[in-house]
C-alpha cells in the first residue's frame, strides 16, 4: 500500500524527459501514418496470396476432372441390389461369377437374367 504514496515519484521516473510539445505530437503522427501504410501493404500482400491459392485450387480441381476415372479398365464390379433377385444356388452363383468375369461358360444352355 505504500506504492500508492509513491505514484508521483514513479511516474516522474518512468516518464523522465518526456515533454508534451509539438515535436512529440509530430513523432506520434508520423509513426501512426507509417503503421497505416504498413497495414495496407500487408493487406494487399494477403489478398494477392489468397487469390493465388484460390486459383491454384480451382485449376487443380479442373485438372482432376480431366483425369480418366478408370472406367473400362476391368476393375468394375457387377452389383446386384439386395432383394432384386431370388437367392441363387451355388451352381447358379458360379455362373454369375463366370458371367461377370467374362468367361461366360454356362453348360446347360440357359442364360443369366440381369
C-alpha atoms as a PDB file:
ATOM      1  CA  UNK A   1       0.000   0.000   0.000  1.00  0.00           C
ATOM      2  CA  UNK A   2       2.995   2.307   0.293  1.00  0.00           C
ATOM      3  CA  UNK A   3       3.351   2.316  -3.535  1.00  0.00           C
ATOM      4  CA  UNK A   4       0.216   4.447  -3.815  1.00  0.00           C
ATOM      5  CA  UNK A   5       2.003   7.235  -1.980  1.00  0.00           C
ATOM      6  CA  UNK A   6       4.931   6.948  -4.412  1.00  0.00           C
ATOM      7  CA  UNK A   7       2.871   7.259  -7.651  1.00  0.00           C
ATOM      8  CA  UNK A   8       4.091  10.803  -8.500  1.00  0.00           C
ATOM      9  CA  UNK A   9       7.714   9.763  -7.955  1.00  0.00           C
ATOM     10  CA  UNK A  10       7.310   6.571 -10.055  1.00  0.00           C
ATOM     11  CA  UNK A  11       5.640   8.423 -12.957  1.00  0.00           C
ATOM     12  CA  UNK A  12       8.344  11.106 -12.940  1.00  0.00           C
ATOM     13  CA  UNK A  13      10.993   8.398 -13.094  1.00  0.00           C
ATOM     14  CA  UNK A  14       9.236   6.432 -15.883  1.00  0.00           C
ATOM     15  CA  UNK A  15       8.336   9.465 -17.972  1.00  0.00           C
ATOM     16  CA  UNK A  16      11.615  11.305 -17.425  1.00  0.00           C
ATOM     17  CA  UNK A  17      12.482  13.572 -20.338  1.00  0.00           C
ATOM     18  CA  UNK A  18       9.073  13.253 -21.960  1.00  0.00           C
ATOM     19  CA  UNK A  19       7.518  16.597 -22.724  1.00  0.00           C
ATOM     20  CA  UNK A  20       4.180  17.067 -24.445  1.00  0.00           C
ATOM     21  CA  UNK A  21       5.164  19.509 -27.182  1.00  0.00           C
ATOM     22  CA  UNK A  22       4.754  19.786 -30.957  1.00  0.00           C
ATOM     23  CA  UNK A  23       7.774  17.571 -31.656  1.00  0.00           C
ATOM     24  CA  UNK A  24       6.241  14.680 -29.692  1.00  0.00           C
ATOM     25  CA  UNK A  25       2.897  15.213 -31.434  1.00  0.00           C
ATOM     26  CA  UNK A  26       4.598  15.170 -34.845  1.00  0.00           C
ATOM     27  CA  UNK A  27       6.502  11.987 -33.961  1.00  0.00           C
ATOM     28  CA  UNK A  28       3.274  10.267 -32.903  1.00  0.00           C
ATOM     29  CA  UNK A  29       1.511  11.236 -36.141  1.00  0.00           C
ATOM     30  CA  UNK A  30       4.436  10.054 -38.288  1.00  0.00           C
ATOM     31  CA  UNK A  31       4.503   6.659 -36.545  1.00  0.00           C
ATOM     32  CA  UNK A  32       0.737   6.277 -36.900  1.00  0.00           C
ATOM     33  CA  UNK A  33       0.907   7.102 -40.627  1.00  0.00           C
ATOM     34  CA  UNK A  34       3.705   4.550 -41.168  1.00  0.00           C
ATOM     35  CA  UNK A  35       1.707   1.841 -39.411  1.00  0.00           C
ATOM     36  CA  UNK A  36      -1.302   2.536 -41.637  1.00  0.00           C
ATOM     37  CA  UNK A  37       0.857   2.242 -44.769  1.00  0.00           C
ATOM     38  CA  UNK A  38       2.417  -0.978 -43.488  1.00  0.00           C
ATOM     39  CA  UNK A  39      -1.021  -2.412 -42.713  1.00  0.00           C
ATOM     40  CA  UNK A  40      -2.236  -1.538 -46.213  1.00  0.00           C
ATOM     41  CA  UNK A  41       0.816  -3.209 -47.757  1.00  0.00           C
ATOM     42  CA  UNK A  42       0.235  -6.291 -45.607  1.00  0.00           C
ATOM     43  CA  UNK A  43      -3.447  -6.381 -46.577  1.00  0.00           C
ATOM     44  CA  UNK A  44      -2.542  -6.181 -50.263  1.00  0.00           C
ATOM     45  CA  UNK A  45       0.001  -8.998 -49.918  1.00  0.00           C
ATOM     46  CA  UNK A  46      -2.518 -11.145 -48.050  1.00  0.00           C
ATOM     47  CA  UNK A  47      -5.149 -10.521 -50.736  1.00  0.00           C
ATOM     48  CA  UNK A  48      -2.709 -11.476 -53.510  1.00  0.00           C
ATOM     49  CA  UNK A  49      -1.745 -14.655 -51.651  1.00  0.00           C
ATOM     50  CA  UNK A  50      -5.405 -15.555 -51.166  1.00  0.00           C
ATOM     51  CA  UNK A  51      -6.139 -15.062 -54.867  1.00  0.00           C
ATOM     52  CA  UNK A  52      -3.137 -17.221 -55.830  1.00  0.00           C
ATOM     53  CA  UNK A  53      -4.192 -20.045 -53.517  1.00  0.00           C
ATOM     54  CA  UNK A  54      -7.775 -19.857 -54.811  1.00  0.00           C
ATOM     55  CA  UNK A  55      -6.605 -20.030 -58.421  1.00  0.00           C
ATOM     56  CA  UNK A  56      -4.361 -22.966 -57.605  1.00  0.00           C
ATOM     57  CA  UNK A  57      -7.272 -24.867 -56.053  1.00  0.00           C
ATOM     58  CA  UNK A  58      -9.608 -24.082 -58.957  1.00  0.00           C
ATOM     59  CA  UNK A  59      -7.044 -25.137 -61.562  1.00  0.00           C
ATOM     60  CA  UNK A  60      -6.185 -28.356 -59.704  1.00  0.00           C
ATOM     61  CA  UNK A  61      -9.895 -29.257 -59.418  1.00  0.00           C
ATOM     62  CA  UNK A  62     -10.359 -28.565 -63.121  1.00  0.00           C
ATOM     63  CA  UNK A  63      -7.374 -30.752 -63.998  1.00  0.00           C
ATOM     64  CA  UNK A  64      -8.651 -33.565 -61.789  1.00  0.00           C
ATOM     65  CA  UNK A  65     -11.847 -33.701 -63.824  1.00  0.00           C
ATOM     66  CA  UNK A  66      -9.747 -34.340 -66.938  1.00  0.00           C
ATOM     67  CA  UNK A  67      -8.028 -37.384 -65.418  1.00  0.00           C
ATOM     68  CA  UNK A  68      -9.665 -40.630 -66.556  1.00  0.00           C
ATOM     69  CA  UNK A  69     -11.688 -42.234 -63.804  1.00  0.00           C
ATOM     70  CA  UNK A  70     -10.610 -45.770 -64.663  1.00  0.00           C
ATOM     71  CA  UNK A  71     -13.899 -46.918 -66.177  1.00  0.00           C
ATOM     72  CA  UNK A  72     -13.485 -49.813 -68.533  1.00  0.00           C
ATOM     73  CA  UNK A  73     -10.203 -50.847 -67.005  1.00  0.00           C
ATOM     74  CA  UNK A  74     -11.567 -54.226 -65.907  1.00  0.00           C
ATOM     75  CA  UNK A  75     -11.985 -53.220 -62.292  1.00  0.00           C
ATOM     76  CA  UNK A  76     -15.729 -52.560 -62.489  1.00  0.00           C
ATOM     77  CA  UNK A  77     -17.967 -54.737 -60.345  1.00  0.00           C
ATOM     78  CA  UNK A  78     -21.301 -56.133 -61.364  1.00  0.00           C
ATOM     79  CA  UNK A  79     -23.535 -55.175 -58.462  1.00  0.00           C
ATOM     80  CA  UNK A  80     -26.887 -56.778 -57.779  1.00  0.00           C
ATOM     81  CA  UNK A  81     -29.071 -54.737 -55.413  1.00  0.00           C
ATOM     82  CA  UNK A  82     -30.346 -56.587 -52.381  1.00  0.00           C
ATOM     83  CA  UNK A  83     -33.795 -58.087 -52.871  1.00  0.00           C
ATOM     84  CA  UNK A  84     -33.848 -57.622 -56.630  1.00  0.00           C
ATOM     85  CA  UNK A  85     -33.174 -61.284 -57.488  1.00  0.00           C
ATOM     86  CA  UNK A  86     -34.051 -64.615 -55.995  1.00  0.00           C
ATOM     87  CA  UNK A  87     -31.448 -66.485 -53.987  1.00  0.00           C
ATOM     88  CA  UNK A  88     -29.140 -68.460 -56.215  1.00  0.00           C
ATOM     89  CA  UNK A  89     -27.827 -71.938 -55.682  1.00  0.00           C
ATOM     90  CA  UNK A  90     -24.031 -72.348 -55.570  1.00  0.00           C
ATOM     91  CA  UNK A  91     -24.067 -73.542 -59.179  1.00  0.00           C
ATOM     92  CA  UNK A  92     -26.084 -70.514 -60.295  1.00  0.00           C
ATOM     93  CA  UNK A  93     -23.786 -68.268 -58.284  1.00  0.00           C
ATOM     94  CA  UNK A  94     -20.751 -69.732 -60.071  1.00  0.00           C
ATOM     95  CA  UNK A  95     -22.430 -68.962 -63.379  1.00  0.00           C
ATOM     96  CA  UNK A  96     -22.956 -65.361 -62.284  1.00  0.00           C
ATOM     97  CA  UNK A  97     -19.300 -65.106 -61.289  1.00  0.00           C
ATOM     98  CA  UNK A  98     -18.200 -66.591 -64.634  1.00  0.00           C
ATOM     99  CA  UNK A  99     -20.508 -64.219 -66.492  1.00  0.00           C
ATOM    100  CA  UNK A 100     -19.201 -61.204 -64.598  1.00  0.00           C
ATOM    101  CA  UNK A 101     -15.596 -62.202 -65.147  1.00  0.00           C
ATOM    102  CA  UNK A 102     -16.162 -62.615 -68.865  1.00  0.00           C
ATOM    103  CA  UNK A 103     -15.622 -66.370 -69.180  1.00  0.00           C
ATOM    104  CA  UNK A 104     -19.374 -66.971 -69.650  1.00  0.00           C
ATOM    105  CA  UNK A 105     -19.164 -70.761 -69.636  1.00  0.00           C
ATOM    106  CA  UNK A 106     -22.722 -71.885 -68.983  1.00  0.00           C
ATOM    107  CA  UNK A 107     -23.031 -75.600 -69.671  1.00  0.00           C
ATOM    108  CA  UNK A 108     -26.783 -76.174 -69.508  1.00  0.00           C
ATOM    109  CA  UNK A 109     -27.655 -73.678 -72.269  1.00  0.00           C
ATOM    110  CA  UNK A 110     -29.577 -71.297 -70.022  1.00  0.00           C
ATOM    111  CA  UNK A 111     -28.644 -67.651 -69.800  1.00  0.00           C
ATOM    112  CA  UNK A 112     -28.392 -65.414 -66.767  1.00  0.00           C
ATOM    113  CA  UNK A 113     -31.168 -62.880 -66.411  1.00  0.00           C
ATOM    114  CA  UNK A 114     -29.916 -59.423 -65.469  1.00  0.00           C
END
